[in-house]
N, C-alpha and C. Protein backbone atom coordinates (compact mmCIF):
# COMPACT_ATOMS: atom_id res chain seq x y z
N MET A 1 0.68 -1.20 0.01
CA MET A 1 0.00 -0.01 -0.05
C MET A 1 1.01 1.21 0.07
N MET A 2 0.52 2.15 -0.84
CA MET A 2 1.46 3.41 -0.93
C MET A 2 0.67 4.44 -0.09
N GLN A 3 1.52 5.23 0.62
CA GLN A 3 1.00 6.31 1.29
C GLN A 3 1.68 7.67 0.70
N ILE A 4 0.86 8.68 0.68
CA ILE A 4 1.48 9.77 0.21
C ILE A 4 1.32 11.05 1.26
N ARG A 5 2.44 11.49 1.47
CA ARG A 5 2.69 12.54 2.65
C ARG A 5 3.06 13.96 2.14
N SER A 6 2.67 14.98 2.80
CA SER A 6 3.12 16.36 2.33
C SER A 6 4.28 16.52 3.26
N ILE A 7 5.22 17.25 2.71
CA ILE A 7 6.35 17.88 3.43
C ILE A 7 6.43 19.39 3.22
N HIS A 8 6.37 20.16 4.27
CA HIS A 8 6.47 21.68 4.14
C HIS A 8 7.74 22.03 4.81
N THR A 9 8.37 23.08 4.08
CA THR A 9 9.48 23.62 4.59
C THR A 9 9.24 25.08 4.67
N MET A 10 10.21 25.75 5.51
CA MET A 10 10.01 27.22 5.77
C MET A 10 10.33 28.03 4.60
N ASP A 11 11.55 27.71 4.03
CA ASP A 11 11.96 28.67 2.91
C ASP A 11 12.79 27.90 1.65
N GLU A 12 12.71 26.51 1.73
CA GLU A 12 13.43 25.99 0.64
C GLU A 12 12.60 24.87 0.02
N ASP A 13 12.76 24.54 -1.13
CA ASP A 13 12.16 23.27 -1.85
C ASP A 13 12.85 22.17 -1.23
N ALA A 14 12.06 21.03 -1.18
CA ALA A 14 12.56 19.77 -0.61
C ALA A 14 12.41 18.78 -1.81
N HIS A 15 13.50 17.96 -1.93
CA HIS A 15 13.67 16.97 -2.98
C HIS A 15 13.98 15.61 -2.39
N PHE A 16 13.22 14.53 -2.87
CA PHE A 16 13.31 13.26 -2.26
C PHE A 16 13.57 12.20 -3.41
N VAL A 17 14.42 11.27 -3.15
CA VAL A 17 14.58 10.16 -4.06
C VAL A 17 14.18 8.84 -3.34
N LEU A 18 13.37 8.11 -3.78
CA LEU A 18 13.13 6.69 -3.29
C LEU A 18 13.54 5.61 -4.17
N ILE A 19 14.41 4.84 -3.63
CA ILE A 19 15.00 3.65 -4.48
C ILE A 19 14.65 2.40 -3.89
N ALA A 20 14.12 1.44 -4.62
CA ALA A 20 13.71 0.15 -4.06
C ALA A 20 14.00 -0.96 -5.03
N GLY A 21 14.36 -2.10 -4.55
CA GLY A 21 14.68 -3.28 -5.40
C GLY A 21 14.64 -4.53 -4.61
N GLU A 22 14.86 -5.62 -5.09
CA GLU A 22 14.85 -6.94 -4.63
C GLU A 22 16.34 -7.08 -4.03
N PRO A 23 16.44 -7.85 -2.98
CA PRO A 23 17.73 -8.11 -2.29
C PRO A 23 18.56 -9.13 -3.20
N LEU A 24 19.88 -8.94 -3.55
CA LEU A 24 20.67 -9.79 -4.39
C LEU A 24 21.08 -10.91 -3.67
N LYS A 25 21.14 -10.97 -2.32
CA LYS A 25 21.62 -12.15 -1.49
C LYS A 25 23.11 -12.42 -1.94
N GLU A 26 23.79 -11.38 -2.10
CA GLU A 26 25.30 -11.50 -2.28
C GLU A 26 26.05 -10.74 -1.03
N PRO A 27 27.23 -11.28 -0.84
CA PRO A 27 27.99 -10.47 0.23
C PRO A 27 28.24 -9.01 -0.04
N ILE A 28 28.35 -8.20 0.79
CA ILE A 28 28.57 -6.80 0.65
C ILE A 28 29.79 -6.32 1.58
N VAL A 29 30.68 -5.63 0.94
CA VAL A 29 31.70 -4.90 1.60
C VAL A 29 31.81 -3.62 1.32
N GLN A 30 31.84 -2.76 2.16
CA GLN A 30 31.76 -1.30 2.04
C GLN A 30 32.81 -0.32 2.67
N HIS A 31 33.39 0.48 1.97
CA HIS A 31 34.52 1.35 2.60
C HIS A 31 34.50 2.63 1.93
N GLY A 32 34.21 3.53 2.74
CA GLY A 32 34.19 4.95 2.18
C GLY A 32 32.94 4.95 1.22
N PRO A 33 33.10 5.57 0.09
CA PRO A 33 31.86 5.51 -0.80
C PRO A 33 31.79 4.34 -1.63
N PHE A 34 32.78 3.46 -1.58
CA PHE A 34 32.77 2.19 -2.36
C PHE A 34 32.02 1.17 -1.73
N VAL A 35 31.23 0.41 -2.60
CA VAL A 35 30.51 -0.84 -2.05
C VAL A 35 30.87 -2.02 -3.20
N MET A 36 31.34 -3.04 -2.62
CA MET A 36 31.71 -4.13 -3.62
C MET A 36 31.24 -5.39 -2.90
N ASN A 37 31.56 -6.60 -3.80
CA ASN A 37 31.26 -7.90 -3.00
C ASN A 37 32.43 -8.48 -2.28
N THR A 38 33.58 -8.07 -2.39
CA THR A 38 34.88 -8.66 -1.68
C THR A 38 35.87 -7.60 -1.30
N LYS A 39 36.76 -7.88 -0.18
CA LYS A 39 37.66 -6.90 -0.01
C LYS A 39 38.67 -6.69 -1.00
N ASP A 40 39.01 -7.78 -1.89
CA ASP A 40 39.85 -7.67 -2.95
C ASP A 40 39.21 -6.61 -4.15
N GLU A 41 38.01 -6.58 -4.33
CA GLU A 41 37.43 -5.70 -5.14
C GLU A 41 37.48 -4.28 -4.60
N ILE A 42 37.34 -4.12 -3.23
CA ILE A 42 37.46 -2.78 -2.67
C ILE A 42 38.94 -2.20 -2.85
N TYR A 43 40.00 -3.14 -2.72
CA TYR A 43 41.32 -2.72 -2.77
C TYR A 43 41.53 -2.41 -4.28
N LYS A 44 41.00 -3.03 -5.32
CA LYS A 44 41.16 -2.70 -6.72
C LYS A 44 40.44 -1.34 -7.00
N THR A 45 39.46 -1.12 -6.42
CA THR A 45 38.70 0.08 -6.60
C THR A 45 39.45 1.26 -6.18
N PHE A 46 40.22 1.23 -4.98
CA PHE A 46 40.90 2.23 -4.46
C PHE A 46 42.08 2.52 -5.53
N VAL A 47 42.74 1.47 -6.02
CA VAL A 47 43.81 1.61 -7.02
C VAL A 47 43.18 2.31 -8.20
N ASP A 48 42.16 1.94 -8.73
CA ASP A 48 41.44 2.67 -9.91
C ASP A 48 41.13 3.87 -9.57
N TYR A 49 40.64 4.19 -8.33
CA TYR A 49 40.39 5.65 -8.03
C TYR A 49 41.79 6.54 -8.01
N GLN A 50 42.73 6.05 -7.50
CA GLN A 50 43.99 6.72 -7.46
C GLN A 50 44.61 6.92 -8.71
N PHE A 51 44.62 6.02 -9.62
CA PHE A 51 45.41 6.02 -11.03
C PHE A 51 44.28 6.34 -12.11
N GLY A 52 42.99 6.21 -11.96
CA GLY A 52 42.13 6.71 -13.03
C GLY A 52 41.70 5.82 -14.12
N PRO A 53 41.83 4.58 -14.12
CA PRO A 53 41.30 3.67 -15.19
C PRO A 53 39.82 3.43 -14.84
N ASN A 54 39.35 2.82 -15.89
CA ASN A 54 37.91 2.10 -15.75
C ASN A 54 36.82 3.30 -15.34
N GLY A 55 36.84 4.47 -16.22
CA GLY A 55 35.76 5.37 -15.89
C GLY A 55 36.06 6.33 -14.73
N LEU A 56 37.05 6.15 -14.04
CA LEU A 56 37.41 7.19 -12.99
C LEU A 56 38.38 8.28 -13.31
N GLU A 57 38.55 8.31 -14.60
CA GLU A 57 39.67 9.43 -15.07
C GLU A 57 39.38 10.80 -14.56
N ARG A 58 38.20 11.25 -14.52
CA ARG A 58 37.84 12.48 -14.12
C ARG A 58 37.42 12.62 -12.66
N ALA A 59 37.50 11.56 -11.99
CA ALA A 59 36.97 11.60 -10.58
C ALA A 59 37.74 12.62 -9.70
N ARG A 60 39.09 12.85 -9.77
CA ARG A 60 39.77 13.78 -8.94
C ARG A 60 39.19 15.33 -9.00
N ASN A 61 38.69 15.56 -10.20
CA ASN A 61 38.24 16.89 -10.50
C ASN A 61 36.76 17.16 -10.51
N TRP A 62 36.17 15.97 -10.14
CA TRP A 62 34.57 16.01 -10.11
C TRP A 62 34.12 16.72 -8.85
N TYR A 63 33.16 17.50 -8.98
CA TYR A 63 32.38 18.25 -7.98
C TYR A 63 30.92 18.17 -8.04
N SER A 64 30.19 18.22 -7.03
CA SER A 64 28.69 18.23 -7.26
C SER A 64 28.37 19.70 -7.03
N ILE A 65 27.23 20.05 -7.90
CA ILE A 65 26.67 21.50 -7.79
C ILE A 65 25.52 21.34 -6.83
N ILE A 66 25.25 20.28 -6.06
CA ILE A 66 24.20 20.16 -5.11
C ILE A 66 24.90 20.67 -3.82
N ALA A 67 24.21 21.88 -3.26
CA ALA A 67 24.91 22.32 -2.04
C ALA A 67 23.99 22.21 -0.85
């Protein structure tokens, strides 16, 4: 059953994101912003982040415009 509720703020707009899905029933390892299935995958992700391969080439200069 879905419930709809109103949110009122004093002076700002409010934005919400609701994400749902089925459990994957896989192991989870989380460190900082990275979430993988094994510690080895976490270590490899740190190396990728430091050296920039696999889509992380611009990660060092990335910034969010959301304040």
